[in-house]
């Protein structure tokens, strides 16, 4: 067992917008932060992904859907799906779980 301290907590993105807290071959857990008014420049990932919004408000956009999200929202994005957070109206902090671990599948 391991307690993952700080996972999902807001931190200013000047230190990098993605912080990985735990990594095993089958999954990784981290925090992704986008400041209010900021731009989410991510590309599709090769792994399945779950976002848990821990703070802030934004909109998530995929080719097939758009949804407003806030604290408590849980979003599943399958591997390879284009997605991004837009209209970030409050500093956005996301607990992110990748399966398998982030970047472990070849592009």
PDB file of N, CA and C in Angstrom:
ATOM      1  N   UNK A   1       0.838  -1.167   0.000  1.00  0.00           N
ATOM      2  CA  UNK A   1       0.000   0.000   0.000  1.00  0.00           C
ATOM      3  C   UNK A   1       0.888   1.237   0.000  1.00  0.00           C
ATOM      4  N   UNK A   2       0.385   2.298  -0.625  1.00  0.00           N
ATOM      5  CA  UNK A   2       1.104   3.562  -0.637  1.00  0.00           C
ATOM      6  C   UNK A   2       0.100   4.701  -0.626  1.00  0.00           C
ATOM      7  N   UNK A   3       0.301   5.670   0.232  1.00  0.00           N
ATOM      8  CA  UNK A   3      -0.506   6.888   0.240  1.00  0.00           C
ATOM      9  C   UNK A   3       0.183   7.866  -0.707  1.00  0.00           C
ATOM     10  N   UNK A   4      -0.559   8.399  -1.660  1.00  0.00           N
ATOM     11  CA  UNK A   4       0.016   9.292  -2.663  1.00  0.00           C
ATOM     12  C   UNK A   4      -0.305  10.724  -2.254  1.00  0.00           C
ATOM     13  N   UNK A   5       0.618  11.366  -1.581  1.00  0.00           N
ATOM     14  CA  UNK A   5       0.394  12.717  -1.081  1.00  0.00           C
ATOM     15  C   UNK A   5       0.489  13.731  -2.213  1.00  0.00           C
ATOM     16  N   UNK A   6      -0.410  14.688  -2.198  1.00  0.00           N
ATOM     17  CA  UNK A   6      -0.387  15.768  -3.171  1.00  0.00           C
ATOM     18  C   UNK A   6      -1.051  15.464  -4.496  1.00  0.00           C
ATOM     19  N   UNK A   7      -1.459  14.243  -4.718  1.00  0.00           N
ATOM     20  CA  UNK A   7      -2.101  13.890  -5.985  1.00  0.00           C
ATOM     21  C   UNK A   7      -3.413  14.645  -6.128  1.00  0.00           C
ATOM     22  N   UNK A   8      -3.574  15.328  -7.251  1.00  0.00           N
ATOM     23  CA  UNK A   8      -4.804  16.058  -7.524  1.00  0.00           C
ATOM     24  C   UNK A   8      -4.843  17.458  -6.955  1.00  0.00           C
ATOM     25  N   UNK A   9      -3.785  17.885  -6.268  1.00  0.00           N
ATOM     26  CA  UNK A   9      -3.764  19.226  -5.672  1.00  0.00           C
ATOM     27  C   UNK A   9      -3.264  20.249  -6.688  1.00  0.00           C
ATOM     28  N   UNK A  10      -3.878  21.430  -6.682  1.00  0.00           N
ATOM     29  CA  UNK A  10      -3.457  22.507  -7.589  1.00  0.00           C
ATOM     30  C   UNK A  10      -2.037  22.946  -7.264  1.00  0.00           C
ATOM     31  N   UNK A  11      -1.241  23.114  -8.299  1.00  0.00           N
ATOM     32  CA  UNK A  11       0.058  23.768  -8.162  1.00  0.00           C
ATOM     33  C   UNK A  11       0.278  24.595  -9.420  1.00  0.00           C
ATOM     34  N   UNK A  12       0.880  25.755  -9.296  1.00  0.00           N
ATOM     35  CA  UNK A  12       1.080  26.608 -10.472  1.00  0.00           C
ATOM     36  C   UNK A  12       1.886  25.887 -11.542  1.00  0.00           C
ATOM     37  N   UNK A  13       1.445  25.968 -12.788  1.00  0.00           N
ATOM     38  CA  UNK A  13       2.115  25.243 -13.865  1.00  0.00           C
ATOM     39  C   UNK A  13       3.512  25.713 -14.229  1.00  0.00           C
ATOM     40  N   UNK A  14       4.066  26.747 -13.560  1.00  0.00           N
ATOM     41  CA  UNK A  14       5.417  27.178 -13.908  1.00  0.00           C
ATOM     42  C   UNK A  14       6.442  26.078 -13.663  1.00  0.00           C
ATOM     43  N   UNK A  15       6.103  25.113 -12.829  1.00  0.00           N
ATOM     44  CA  UNK A  15       6.986  23.974 -12.584  1.00  0.00           C
ATOM     45  C   UNK A  15       6.654  22.818 -13.531  1.00  0.00           C
ATOM     46  N   UNK A  16       5.792  23.049 -14.501  1.00  0.00           N
ATOM     47  CA  UNK A  16       5.345  21.989 -15.405  1.00  0.00           C
ATOM     48  C   UNK A  16       3.913  21.655 -15.094  1.00  0.00           C
ATOM     49  N   UNK A  17       3.112  21.425 -16.120  1.00  0.00           N
ATOM     50  CA  UNK A  17       1.687  21.212 -15.891  1.00  0.00           C
ATOM     51  C   UNK A  17       1.344  19.775 -15.526  1.00  0.00           C
ATOM     52  N   UNK A  18       2.256  18.824 -15.709  1.00  0.00           N
ATOM     53  CA  UNK A  18       2.014  17.411 -15.406  1.00  0.00           C
ATOM     54  C   UNK A  18       3.058  16.949 -14.404  1.00  0.00           C
ATOM     55  N   UNK A  19       2.586  16.355 -13.315  1.00  0.00           N
ATOM     56  CA  UNK A  19       3.469  15.767 -12.318  1.00  0.00           C
ATOM     57  C   UNK A  19       3.038  14.332 -12.102  1.00  0.00           C
ATOM     58  N   UNK A  20       3.926  13.401 -12.352  1.00  0.00           N
ATOM     59  CA  UNK A  20       3.616  11.987 -12.117  1.00  0.00           C
ATOM     60  C   UNK A  20       3.977  11.646 -10.674  1.00  0.00           C
ATOM     61  N   UNK A  21       3.018  11.039  -9.956  1.00  0.00           N
ATOM     62  CA  UNK A  21       3.212  10.717  -8.543  1.00  0.00           C
ATOM     63  C   UNK A  21       3.495   9.238  -8.312  1.00  0.00           C
ATOM     64  N   UNK A  22       2.982   8.384  -9.183  1.00  0.00           N
ATOM     65  CA  UNK A  22       3.129   6.937  -9.012  1.00  0.00           C
ATOM     66  C   UNK A  22       3.191   6.299 -10.382  1.00  0.00           C
ATOM     67  N   UNK A  23       4.074   5.309 -10.532  1.00  0.00           N
ATOM     68  CA  UNK A  23       4.195   4.614 -11.806  1.00  0.00           C
ATOM     69  C   UNK A  23       4.458   3.133 -11.548  1.00  0.00           C
ATOM     70  N   UNK A  24       3.640   2.292 -12.153  1.00  0.00           N
ATOM     71  CA  UNK A  24       3.869   0.853 -12.209  1.00  0.00           C
ATOM     72  C   UNK A  24       3.711   0.488 -13.683  1.00  0.00           C
ATOM     73  N   UNK A  25       4.046  -0.723 -14.096  1.00  0.00           N
ATOM     74  CA  UNK A  25       3.864  -1.070 -15.507  1.00  0.00           C
ATOM     75  C   UNK A  25       2.410  -0.954 -15.977  1.00  0.00           C
ATOM     76  N   UNK A  26       1.466  -1.207 -15.079  1.00  0.00           N
ATOM     77  CA  UNK A  26       0.061  -1.251 -15.481  1.00  0.00           C
ATOM     78  C   UNK A  26      -0.703   0.054 -15.335  1.00  0.00           C
ATOM     79  N   UNK A  27      -0.161   1.029 -14.586  1.00  0.00           N
ATOM     80  CA  UNK A  27      -0.856   2.313 -14.462  1.00  0.00           C
ATOM     81  C   UNK A  27       0.095   3.377 -13.950  1.00  0.00           C
ATOM     82  N   UNK A  28      -0.308   4.613 -14.171  1.00  0.00           N
ATOM     83  CA  UNK A  28       0.393   5.726 -13.545  1.00  0.00           C
ATOM     84  C   UNK A  28      -0.644   6.724 -13.060  1.00  0.00           C
ATOM     85  N   UNK A  29      -0.266   7.473 -12.032  1.00  0.00           N
ATOM     86  CA  UNK A  29      -1.151   8.453 -11.420  1.00  0.00           C
ATOM     87  C   UNK A  29      -0.389   9.774 -11.341  1.00  0.00           C
ATOM     88  N   UNK A  30      -1.072  10.840 -11.713  1.00  0.00           N
ATOM     89  CA  UNK A  30      -0.423  12.137 -11.654  1.00  0.00           C
ATOM     90  C   UNK A  30      -1.435  13.254 -11.539  1.00  0.00           C
ATOM     91  N   UNK A  31      -0.919  14.470 -11.540  1.00  0.00           N
ATOM     92  CA  UNK A  31      -1.739  15.670 -11.482  1.00  0.00           C
ATOM     93  C   UNK A  31      -1.441  16.520 -12.699  1.00  0.00           C
ATOM     94  N   UNK A  32      -2.511  17.004 -13.340  1.00  0.00           N
ATOM     95  CA  UNK A  32      -2.401  17.891 -14.493  1.00  0.00           C
ATOM     96  C   UNK A  32      -3.098  19.190 -14.124  1.00  0.00           C
ATOM     97  N   UNK A  33      -2.401  20.323 -14.290  1.00  0.00           N
ATOM     98  CA  UNK A  33      -2.957  21.623 -13.920  1.00  0.00           C
ATOM     99  C   UNK A  33      -2.938  22.584 -15.100  1.00  0.00           C
ATOM    100  N   UNK A  34      -4.028  23.338 -15.247  1.00  0.00           N
ATOM    101  CA  UNK A  34      -4.136  24.389 -16.260  1.00  0.00           C
ATOM    102  C   UNK A  34      -4.681  25.628 -15.550  1.00  0.00           C
ATOM    103  N   UNK A  35      -3.959  26.757 -15.627  1.00  0.00           N
ATOM    104  CA  UNK A  35      -4.446  27.950 -14.941  1.00  0.00           C
ATOM    105  C   UNK A  35      -5.666  28.544 -15.634  1.00  0.00           C
ATOM    106  N   UNK A  36      -6.448  29.316 -14.907  1.00  0.00           N
ATOM    107  CA  UNK A  36      -7.592  30.017 -15.496  1.00  0.00           C
ATOM    108  C   UNK A  36      -7.108  30.805 -16.704  1.00  0.00           C
ATOM    109  N   UNK A  37      -7.821  30.669 -17.809  1.00  0.00           N
ATOM    110  CA  UNK A  37      -7.451  31.341 -19.047  1.00  0.00           C
ATOM    111  C   UNK A  37      -6.338  30.658 -19.801  1.00  0.00           C
ATOM    112  N   UNK A  38      -5.789  29.584 -19.256  1.00  0.00           N
ATOM    113  CA  UNK A  38      -4.673  28.872 -19.883  1.00  0.00           C
ATOM    114  C   UNK A  38      -5.102  27.999 -21.047  1.00  0.00           C
ATOM    115  N   UNK A  39      -4.105  27.476 -21.735  1.00  0.00           N
ATOM    116  CA  UNK A  39      -4.330  26.632 -22.903  1.00  0.00           C
ATOM    117  C   UNK A  39      -3.842  25.219 -22.608  1.00  0.00           C
ATOM    118  N   UNK A  40      -4.666  24.255 -22.910  1.00  0.00           N
ATOM    119  CA  UNK A  40      -4.331  22.842 -22.776  1.00  0.00           C
ATOM    120  C   UNK A  40      -3.789  22.383 -24.123  1.00  0.00           C
ATOM    121  N   UNK A  41      -2.497  22.152 -24.218  1.00  0.00           N
ATOM    122  CA  UNK A  41      -1.881  21.802 -25.494  1.00  0.00           C
ATOM    123  C   UNK A  41      -1.585  20.327 -25.659  1.00  0.00           C
ATOM    124  N   UNK A  42      -2.254  19.471 -24.912  1.00  0.00           N
ATOM    125  CA  UNK A  42      -1.918  18.054 -24.997  1.00  0.00           C
ATOM    126  C   UNK A  42      -2.352  17.416 -26.312  1.00  0.00           C
ATOM    127  N   UNK A  43      -1.703  16.318 -26.636  1.00  0.00           N
ATOM    128  CA  UNK A  43      -2.020  15.497 -27.813  1.00  0.00           C
ATOM    129  C   UNK A  43      -2.650  14.207 -27.315  1.00  0.00           C
ATOM    130  N   UNK A  44      -3.306  13.459 -28.216  1.00  0.00           N
ATOM    131  CA  UNK A  44      -3.882  12.180 -27.782  1.00  0.00           C
ATOM    132  C   UNK A  44      -2.805  11.261 -27.193  1.00  0.00           C
ATOM    133  N   UNK A  45      -3.212  10.478 -26.223  1.00  0.00           N
ATOM    134  CA  UNK A  45      -2.298   9.563 -25.550  1.00  0.00           C
ATOM    135  C   UNK A  45      -2.494   8.146 -26.083  1.00  0.00           C
ATOM    136  N   UNK A  46      -1.485   7.327 -25.906  1.00  0.00           N
ATOM    137  CA  UNK A  46      -1.560   5.938 -26.362  1.00  0.00           C
ATOM    138  C   UNK A  46      -2.142   5.016 -25.291  1.00  0.00           C
ATOM    139  N   UNK A  47      -2.513   5.601 -24.149  1.00  0.00           N
ATOM    140  CA  UNK A  47      -3.084   4.826 -23.043  1.00  0.00           C
ATOM    141  C   UNK A  47      -4.484   5.340 -22.709  1.00  0.00           C
ATOM    142  N   UNK A  48      -5.315   4.466 -22.160  1.00  0.00           N
ATOM    143  CA  UNK A  48      -6.609   4.900 -21.639  1.00  0.00           C
ATOM    144  C   UNK A  48      -6.337   5.836 -20.458  1.00  0.00           C
ATOM    145  N   UNK A  49      -7.312   6.728 -20.215  1.00  0.00           N
ATOM    146  CA  UNK A  49      -7.077   7.765 -19.219  1.00  0.00           C
ATOM    147  C   UNK A  49      -8.374   8.110 -18.480  1.00  0.00           C
ATOM    148  N   UNK A  50      -8.240   8.329 -17.190  1.00  0.00           N
ATOM    149  CA  UNK A  50      -9.353   8.820 -16.380  1.00  0.00           C
ATOM    150  C   UNK A  50      -8.904  10.127 -15.732  1.00  0.00           C
ATOM    151  N   UNK A  51      -9.756  11.150 -15.859  1.00  0.00           N
ATOM    152  CA  UNK A  51      -9.538  12.431 -15.187  1.00  0.00           C
ATOM    153  C   UNK A  51     -10.551  12.549 -14.063  1.00  0.00           C
ATOM    154  N   UNK A  52     -10.093  12.982 -12.884  1.00  0.00           N
ATOM    155  CA  UNK A  52     -10.979  13.353 -11.791  1.00  0.00           C
ATOM    156  C   UNK A  52     -10.703  14.829 -11.511  1.00  0.00           C
ATOM    157  N   UNK A  53     -11.715  15.672 -11.700  1.00  0.00           N
ATOM    158  CA  UNK A  53     -11.543  17.105 -11.469  1.00  0.00           C
ATOM    159  C   UNK A  53     -11.574  17.334  -9.960  1.00  0.00           C
ATOM    160  N   UNK A  54     -10.459  17.855  -9.424  1.00  0.00           N
ATOM    161  CA  UNK A  54     -10.379  18.113  -7.990  1.00  0.00           C
ATOM    162  C   UNK A  54     -10.580  19.586  -7.667  1.00  0.00           C
ATOM    163  N   UNK A  55     -10.345  20.456  -8.655  1.00  0.00           N
ATOM    164  CA  UNK A  55     -10.545  21.894  -8.455  1.00  0.00           C
ATOM    165  C   UNK A  55     -10.702  22.569  -9.808  1.00  0.00           C
ATOM    166  N   UNK A  56     -11.435  23.667  -9.829  1.00  0.00           N
ATOM    167  CA  UNK A  56     -11.555  24.470 -11.039  1.00  0.00           C
ATOM    168  C   UNK A  56     -12.742  24.113 -11.903  1.00  0.00           C
ATOM    169  N   UNK A  57     -12.860  24.871 -12.998  1.00  0.00           N
ATOM    170  CA  UNK A  57     -13.955  24.670 -13.944  1.00  0.00           C
ATOM    171  C   UNK A  57     -13.421  24.877 -15.349  1.00  0.00           C
ATOM    172  N   UNK A  58     -13.934  24.039 -16.269  1.00  0.00           N
ATOM    173  CA  UNK A  58     -13.515  24.105 -17.668  1.00  0.00           C
ATOM    174  C   UNK A  58     -14.517  23.332 -18.510  1.00  0.00           C
ATOM    175  N   UNK A  59     -14.200  23.210 -19.764  1.00  0.00           N
ATOM    176  CA  UNK A  59     -14.981  22.406 -20.700  1.00  0.00           C
ATOM    177  C   UNK A  59     -14.024  21.402 -21.312  1.00  0.00           C
ATOM    178  N   UNK A  60     -14.452  20.141 -21.438  1.00  0.00           N
ATOM    179  CA  UNK A  60     -13.651  19.152 -22.153  1.00  0.00           C
ATOM    180  C   UNK A  60     -14.297  18.947 -23.511  1.00  0.00           C
ATOM    181  N   UNK A  61     -13.451  18.915 -24.536  1.00  0.00           N
ATOM    182  CA  UNK A  61     -13.922  18.806 -25.913  1.00  0.00           C
ATOM    183  C   UNK A  61     -13.257  17.604 -26.570  1.00  0.00           C
ATOM    184  N   UNK A  62     -14.064  16.747 -27.187  1.00  0.00           N
ATOM    185  CA  UNK A  62     -13.587  15.629 -28.003  1.00  0.00           C
ATOM    186  C   UNK A  62     -14.279  15.754 -29.362  1.00  0.00           C
ATOM    187  N   UNK A  63     -13.889  14.948 -30.336  1.00  0.00           N
ATOM    188  CA  UNK A  63     -14.567  15.035 -31.631  1.00  0.00           C
ATOM    189  C   UNK A  63     -16.072  14.746 -31.563  1.00  0.00           C
ATOM    190  N   UNK A  64     -16.503  13.976 -30.567  1.00  0.00           N
ATOM    191  CA  UNK A  64     -17.903  13.560 -30.493  1.00  0.00           C
ATOM    192  C   UNK A  64     -18.737  14.240 -29.414  1.00  0.00           C
ATOM    193  N   UNK A  65     -18.075  14.969 -28.491  1.00  0.00           N
ATOM    194  CA  UNK A  65     -18.845  15.537 -27.379  1.00  0.00           C
ATOM    195  C   UNK A  65     -18.115  16.713 -26.745  1.00  0.00           C
ATOM    196  N   UNK A  66     -18.895  17.520 -26.045  1.00  0.00           N
ATOM    197  CA  UNK A  66     -18.378  18.631 -25.260  1.00  0.00           C
ATOM    198  C   UNK A  66     -19.139  18.626 -23.940  1.00  0.00           C
ATOM    199  N   UNK A  67     -18.414  18.831 -22.835  1.00  0.00           N
ATOM    200  CA  UNK A  67     -19.081  18.839 -21.531  1.00  0.00           C
ATOM    201  C   UNK A  67     -18.381  19.817 -20.601  1.00  0.00           C
ATOM    202  N   UNK A  68     -19.167  20.519 -19.777  1.00  0.00           N
ATOM    203  CA  UNK A  68     -18.620  21.361 -18.725  1.00  0.00           C
ATOM    204  C   UNK A  68     -18.248  20.457 -17.562  1.00  0.00           C
ATOM    205  N   UNK A  69     -17.099  20.739 -16.929  1.00  0.00           N
ATOM    206  CA  UNK A  69     -16.650  19.929 -15.795  1.00  0.00           C
ATOM    207  C   UNK A  69     -16.253  20.828 -14.643  1.00  0.00           C
ATOM    208  N   UNK A  70     -16.406  20.299 -13.447  1.00  0.00           N
ATOM    209  CA  UNK A  70     -16.025  20.980 -12.217  1.00  0.00           C
ATOM    210  C   UNK A  70     -15.672  19.934 -11.178  1.00  0.00           C
ATOM    211  N   UNK A  71     -15.396  20.352  -9.951  1.00  0.00           N
ATOM    212  CA  UNK A  71     -14.982  19.420  -8.910  1.00  0.00           C
ATOM    213  C   UNK A  71     -15.924  18.217  -8.786  1.00  0.00           C
ATOM    214  N   UNK A  72     -15.310  17.045  -8.758  1.00  0.00           N
ATOM    215  CA  UNK A  72     -16.065  15.801  -8.641  1.00  0.00           C
ATOM    216  C   UNK A  72     -16.355  15.124  -9.966  1.00  0.00           C
ATOM    217  N   UNK A  73     -16.218  15.824 -11.081  1.00  0.00           N
ATOM    218  CA  UNK A  73     -16.467  15.213 -12.388  1.00  0.00           C
ATOM    219  C   UNK A  73     -15.390  14.166 -12.672  1.00  0.00           C
ATOM    220  N   UNK A  74     -15.809  13.053 -13.258  1.00  0.00           N
ATOM    221  CA  UNK A  74     -14.897  11.983 -13.653  1.00  0.00           C
ATOM    222  C   UNK A  74     -15.099  11.747 -15.143  1.00  0.00           C
ATOM    223  N   UNK A  75     -14.003  11.791 -15.903  1.00  0.00           N
ATOM    224  CA  UNK A  75     -14.068  11.687 -17.352  1.00  0.00           C
ATOM    225  C   UNK A  75     -13.164  10.555 -17.810  1.00  0.00           C
ATOM    226  N   UNK A  76     -13.693   9.655 -18.645  1.00  0.00           N
ATOM    227  CA  UNK A  76     -12.888   8.598 -19.266  1.00  0.00           C
ATOM    228  C   UNK A  76     -12.590   8.997 -20.701  1.00  0.00           C
ATOM    229  N   UNK A  77     -11.313   8.908 -21.095  1.00  0.00           N
ATOM    230  CA  UNK A  77     -10.898   9.171 -22.474  1.00  0.00           C
ATOM    231  C   UNK A  77     -10.138   7.942 -22.959  1.00  0.00           C
ATOM    232  N   UNK A  78     -10.659   7.254 -23.989  1.00  0.00           N
ATOM    233  CA  UNK A  78      -9.949   6.070 -24.490  1.00  0.00           C
ATOM    234  C   UNK A  78      -8.660   6.444 -25.211  1.00  0.00           C
ATOM    235  N   UNK A  79      -7.739   5.529 -25.242  1.00  0.00           N
ATOM    236  CA  UNK A  79      -6.464   5.735 -25.923  1.00  0.00           C
ATOM    237  C   UNK A  79      -6.706   6.226 -27.348  1.00  0.00           C
ATOM    238  N   UNK A  80      -5.935   7.228 -27.745  1.00  0.00           N
ATOM    239  CA  UNK A  80      -5.991   7.737 -29.107  1.00  0.00           C
ATOM    240  C   UNK A  80      -7.035   8.793 -29.383  1.00  0.00           C
ATOM    241  N   UNK A  81      -7.950   9.041 -28.447  1.00  0.00           N
ATOM    242  CA  UNK A  81      -9.010  10.023 -28.707  1.00  0.00           C
ATOM    243  C   UNK A  81      -8.494  11.450 -28.500  1.00  0.00           C
ATOM    244  N   UNK A  82      -8.717  12.305 -29.496  1.00  0.00           N
ATOM    245  CA  UNK A  82      -8.397  13.727 -29.368  1.00  0.00           C
ATOM    246  C   UNK A  82      -9.241  14.305 -28.236  1.00  0.00           C
ATOM    247  N   UNK A  83      -8.610  15.107 -27.388  1.00  0.00           N
ATOM    248  CA  UNK A  83      -9.347  15.754 -26.306  1.00  0.00           C
ATOM    249  C   UNK A  83      -8.527  16.918 -25.779  1.00  0.00           C
ATOM    250  N   UNK A  84      -9.240  17.902 -25.247  1.00  0.00           N
ATOM    251  CA  UNK A  84      -8.558  19.021 -24.611  1.00  0.00           C
ATOM    252  C   UNK A  84      -9.535  19.772 -23.730  1.00  0.00           C
ATOM    253  N   UNK A  85      -8.966  20.450 -22.729  1.00  0.00           N
ATOM    254  CA  UNK A  85      -9.766  21.279 -21.849  1.00  0.00           C
ATOM    255  C   UNK A  85      -9.717  22.701 -22.393  1.00  0.00           C
ATOM    256  N   UNK A  86     -10.887  23.317 -22.542  1.00  0.00           N
ATOM    257  CA  UNK A  86     -10.992  24.678 -23.051  1.00  0.00           C
ATOM    258  C   UNK A  86     -11.779  25.507 -22.048  1.00  0.00           C
ATOM    259  N   UNK A  87     -11.849  26.802 -22.288  1.00  0.00           N
ATOM    260  CA  UNK A  87     -12.650  27.698 -21.448  1.00  0.00           C
ATOM    261  C   UNK A  87     -12.395  27.454 -19.962  1.00  0.00           C
ATOM    262  N   UNK A  88     -11.129  27.450 -19.585  1.00  0.00           N
ATOM    263  CA  UNK A  88     -10.755  27.228 -18.185  1.00  0.00           C
ATOM    264  C   UNK A  88     -11.042  28.525 -17.428  1.00  0.00           C
ATOM    265  N   UNK A  89     -12.129  28.516 -16.656  1.00  0.00           N
ATOM    266  CA  UNK A  89     -12.567  29.731 -15.967  1.00  0.00           C
ATOM    267  C   UNK A  89     -12.047  29.834 -14.541  1.00  0.00           C
ATOM    268  N   UNK A  90     -11.616  28.704 -13.966  1.00  0.00           N
ATOM    269  CA  UNK A  90     -10.999  28.671 -12.638  1.00  0.00           C
ATOM    270  C   UNK A  90      -9.815  27.729 -12.730  1.00  0.00           C
ATOM    271  N   UNK A  91      -8.735  28.017 -11.988  1.00  0.00           N
ATOM    272  CA  UNK A  91      -7.559  27.151 -12.005  1.00  0.00           C
ATOM    273  C   UNK A  91      -7.988  25.689 -11.924  1.00  0.00           C
ATOM    274  N   UNK A  92      -7.564  24.902 -12.907  1.00  0.00           N
ATOM    275  CA  UNK A  92      -8.031  23.524 -13.058  1.00  0.00           C
ATOM    276  C   UNK A  92      -6.976  22.549 -12.561  1.00  0.00           C
ATOM    277  N   UNK A  93      -7.365  21.680 -11.635  1.00  0.00           N
ATOM    278  CA  UNK A  93      -6.490  20.616 -11.142  1.00  0.00           C
ATOM    279  C   UNK A  93      -7.195  19.290 -11.388  1.00  0.00           C
ATOM    280  N   UNK A  94      -6.469  18.370 -11.987  1.00  0.00           N
ATOM    281  CA  UNK A  94      -7.022  17.073 -12.368  1.00  0.00           C
ATOM    282  C   UNK A  94      -6.155  15.956 -11.818  1.00  0.00           C
ATOM    283  N   UNK A  95      -6.765  15.000 -11.155  1.00  0.00           N
ATOM    284  CA  UNK A  95      -6.093  13.757 -10.815  1.00  0.00           C
ATOM    285  C   UNK A  95      -6.227  12.882 -12.055  1.00  0.00           C
ATOM    286  N   UNK A  96      -5.112  12.372 -12.559  1.00  0.00           N
ATOM    287  CA  UNK A  96      -5.124  11.621 -13.815  1.00  0.00           C
ATOM    288  C   UNK A  96      -4.596  10.215 -13.569  1.00  0.00           C
ATOM    289  N   UNK A  97      -5.322   9.218 -14.083  1.00  0.00           N
ATOM    290  CA  UNK A  97      -4.898   7.825 -14.003  1.00  0.00           C
ATOM    291  C   UNK A  97      -4.781   7.293 -15.429  1.00  0.00           C
ATOM    292  N   UNK A  98      -3.601   6.784 -15.779  1.00  0.00           N
ATOM    293  CA  UNK A  98      -3.371   6.172 -17.089  1.00  0.00           C
ATOM    294  C   UNK A  98      -3.240   4.670 -16.927  1.00  0.00           C
ATOM    295  N   UNK A  99      -3.805   3.925 -17.868  1.00  0.00           N
ATOM    296  CA  UNK A  99      -3.641   2.480 -17.888  1.00  0.00           C
ATOM    297  C   UNK A  99      -3.383   2.010 -19.306  1.00  0.00           C
ATOM    298  N   UNK A 100      -2.280   1.364 -19.586  1.00  0.00           N
ATOM    299  CA  UNK A 100      -1.124   1.177 -18.707  1.00  0.00           C
ATOM    300  C   UNK A 100      -0.432   2.511 -18.451  1.00  0.00           C
ATOM    301  N   UNK A 101       0.744   2.474 -17.834  1.00  0.00           N
ATOM    302  CA  UNK A 101       1.447   3.696 -17.428  1.00  0.00           C
ATOM    303  C   UNK A 101       1.632   4.661 -18.594  1.00  0.00           C
ATOM    304  N   UNK A 102       1.578   5.958 -18.279  1.00  0.00           N
ATOM    305  CA  UNK A 102       1.714   7.039 -19.263  1.00  0.00           C
ATOM    306  C   UNK A 102       2.981   6.843 -20.109  1.00  0.00           C
ATOM    307  N   UNK A 103       2.799   6.893 -21.422  1.00  0.00           N
ATOM    308  CA  UNK A 103       3.922   6.802 -22.344  1.00  0.00           C
ATOM    309  C   UNK A 103       4.503   5.417 -22.523  1.00  0.00           C
ATOM    310  N   UNK A 104       3.854   4.388 -21.972  1.00  0.00           N
ATOM    311  CA  UNK A 104       4.422   3.041 -22.038  1.00  0.00           C
ATOM    312  C   UNK A 104       4.105   2.314 -23.352  1.00  0.00           C
ATOM    313  N   UNK A 105       3.123   2.785 -24.073  1.00  0.00           N
ATOM    314  CA  UNK A 105       2.799   2.184 -25.380  1.00  0.00           C
ATOM    315  C   UNK A 105       3.459   2.997 -26.479  1.00  0.00           C
ATOM    316  N   UNK A 106       3.988   2.283 -27.462  1.00  0.00           N
ATOM    317  CA  UNK A 106       4.633   2.970 -28.583  1.00  0.00           C
ATOM    318  C   UNK A 106       3.588   3.710 -29.398  1.00  0.00           C
ATOM    319  N   UNK A 107       3.978   4.833 -29.957  1.00  0.00           N
ATOM    320  CA  UNK A 107       3.073   5.617 -30.818  1.00  0.00           C
ATOM    321  C   UNK A 107       3.011   5.002 -32.176  1.00  0.00           C
TER     322      UNK A 107
END
